[in-house]
Amino acid sequence: MTRKDYRLIASVMEGSKPTCGYHVSCDTCKRWLWQWRKTTRLLSLALGEDNDRFDSDKFLQACGEDNIA
């Protein structure tokens, strides 16, 4: 994969980020945000296994992760 591919994937993940999780305290919104974060992190791990030079932190930031730790 190329850097262009990683950028495209990160852009799609950023666009799919649930926004209600930040404004509404309902359990459903919290679950959506939790699932999105889990998906982005699992995707980052998989992409990192495919490419030794892949920067997971940079990818997660590009996806819209606020706190990477």
C-alpha atoms as a PDB file:
ATOM      1  CA  MET A   1       0.000   0.000   0.000  1.00  0.00           C
ATOM      2  CA  THR A   2       1.086   3.560  -0.552  1.00  0.00           C
ATOM      3  CA  ARG A   3       0.876   6.678   1.595  1.00  0.00           C
ATOM      4  CA  LYS A   4      -1.993   7.770  -0.639  1.00  0.00           C
ATOM      5  CA  ASP A   5      -3.903   4.606   0.313  1.00  0.00           C
ATOM      6  CA  TYR A   6      -3.323   5.191   4.026  1.00  0.00           C
ATOM      7  CA  ARG A   7      -4.514   8.783   3.683  1.00  0.00           C
ATOM      8  CA  LEU A   8      -7.657   7.642   1.897  1.00  0.00           C
ATOM      9  CA  ILE A   9      -8.446   5.092   4.610  1.00  0.00           C
ATOM     10  CA  ALA A  10      -7.823   7.652   7.372  1.00  0.00           C
ATOM     11  CA  SER A  11     -10.071  10.146   5.595  1.00  0.00           C
ATOM     12  CA  VAL A  12     -12.884   7.614   5.371  1.00  0.00           C
ATOM     13  CA  MET A  13     -12.482   6.702   9.039  1.00  0.00           C
ATOM     14  CA  GLU A  14     -12.508  10.370  10.021  1.00  0.00           C
ATOM     15  CA  GLY A  15     -15.687  10.880   8.001  1.00  0.00           C
ATOM     16  CA  SER A  16     -17.352   7.938   9.722  1.00  0.00           C
ATOM     17  CA  LYS A  17     -16.573   9.149  13.240  1.00  0.00           C
ATOM     18  CA  PRO A  18     -19.792   9.444  15.258  1.00  0.00           C
ATOM     19  CA  THR A  19     -20.185  13.030  16.376  1.00  0.00           C
ATOM     20  CA  CYS A  20     -23.046  12.527  18.799  1.00  0.00           C
ATOM     21  CA  GLY A  21     -20.732  10.801  21.272  1.00  0.00           C
ATOM     22  CA  TYR A  22     -19.224  14.146  22.176  1.00  0.00           C
ATOM     23  CA  HIS A  23     -22.478  15.992  22.717  1.00  0.00           C
ATOM     24  CA  VAL A  24     -24.954  13.447  24.023  1.00  0.00           C
ATOM     25  CA  SER A  25     -24.397  11.303  27.074  1.00  0.00           C
ATOM     26  CA  CYS A  26     -26.693   8.476  26.007  1.00  0.00           C
ATOM     27  CA  ASP A  27     -25.366   4.915  26.119  1.00  0.00           C
ATOM     28  CA  THR A  28     -26.014   4.326  22.423  1.00  0.00           C
ATOM     29  CA  CYS A  29     -23.807   7.236  21.392  1.00  0.00           C
ATOM     30  CA  LYS A  30     -21.075   6.105  23.746  1.00  0.00           C
ATOM     31  CA  ARG A  31     -21.188   2.614  22.213  1.00  0.00           C
ATOM     32  CA  TRP A  32     -20.970   4.029  18.672  1.00  0.00           C
ATOM     33  CA  LEU A  33     -17.899   6.043  19.605  1.00  0.00           C
ATOM     34  CA  TRP A  34     -16.337   3.079  21.428  1.00  0.00           C
ATOM     35  CA  GLN A  35     -16.876   0.839  18.395  1.00  0.00           C
ATOM     36  CA  TRP A  36     -15.423   3.462  16.043  1.00  0.00           C
ATOM     37  CA  ARG A  37     -12.317   3.790  18.216  1.00  0.00           C
ATOM     38  CA  LYS A  38     -11.923   0.029  18.406  1.00  0.00           C
ATOM     39  CA  THR A  39     -12.216  -0.233  14.624  1.00  0.00           C
ATOM     40  CA  THR A  40      -9.651   2.509  13.963  1.00  0.00           C
ATOM     41  CA  ARG A  41      -7.177   0.967  16.385  1.00  0.00           C
ATOM     42  CA  LEU A  42      -7.589  -2.563  14.999  1.00  0.00           C
ATOM     43  CA  LEU A  43      -7.216  -1.198  11.482  1.00  0.00           C
ATOM     44  CA  SER A  44      -4.080   0.653  12.550  1.00  0.00           C
ATOM     45  CA  LEU A  45      -2.602  -2.535  14.013  1.00  0.00           C
ATOM     46  CA  ALA A  46      -3.351  -4.470  10.822  1.00  0.00           C
ATOM     47  CA  LEU A  47      -1.829  -1.784   8.614  1.00  0.00           C
ATOM     48  CA  GLY A  48       1.242  -1.679  10.857  1.00  0.00           C
ATOM     49  CA  GLU A  49       1.725  -5.429  10.479  1.00  0.00           C
ATOM     50  CA  ASP A  50       1.619  -4.949   6.707  1.00  0.00           C
ATOM     51  CA  ASN A  51       4.237  -2.157   6.685  1.00  0.00           C
ATOM     52  CA  ASP A  52       7.133  -1.787   9.140  1.00  0.00           C
ATOM     53  CA  ARG A  53       7.382   1.961   8.452  1.00  0.00           C
ATOM     54  CA  PHE A  54       3.687   2.595   9.167  1.00  0.00           C
ATOM     55  CA  ASP A  55       3.192   5.281  11.840  1.00  0.00           C
ATOM     56  CA  SER A  56       0.214   4.198  13.942  1.00  0.00           C
ATOM     57  CA  ASP A  57       0.032   7.424  15.971  1.00  0.00           C
ATOM     58  CA  LYS A  58       0.040   9.566  12.853  1.00  0.00           C
ATOM     59  CA  PHE A  59      -2.653   7.387  11.291  1.00  0.00           C
ATOM     60  CA  LEU A  60      -4.894   7.560  14.360  1.00  0.00           C
ATOM     61  CA  GLN A  61      -4.544  11.346  14.458  1.00  0.00           C
ATOM     62  CA  ALA A  62      -5.481  11.498  10.771  1.00  0.00           C
ATOM     63  CA  CYS A  63      -8.551   9.387  11.567  1.00  0.00           C
ATOM     64  CA  GLY A  64      -9.621  11.946  14.151  1.00  0.00           C
ATOM     65  CA  GLU A  65      -8.535  10.232  17.366  1.00  0.00           C
ATOM     66  CA  ASP A  66      -8.312  12.826  20.117  1.00  0.00           C
ATOM     67  CA  ASN A  67      -6.399  10.842  22.709  1.00  0.00           C
ATOM     68  CA  ILE A  68      -4.142   8.158  21.344  1.00  0.00           C
ATOM     69  CA  ALA A  69      -2.840   6.714  24.599  1.00  0.00           C
END
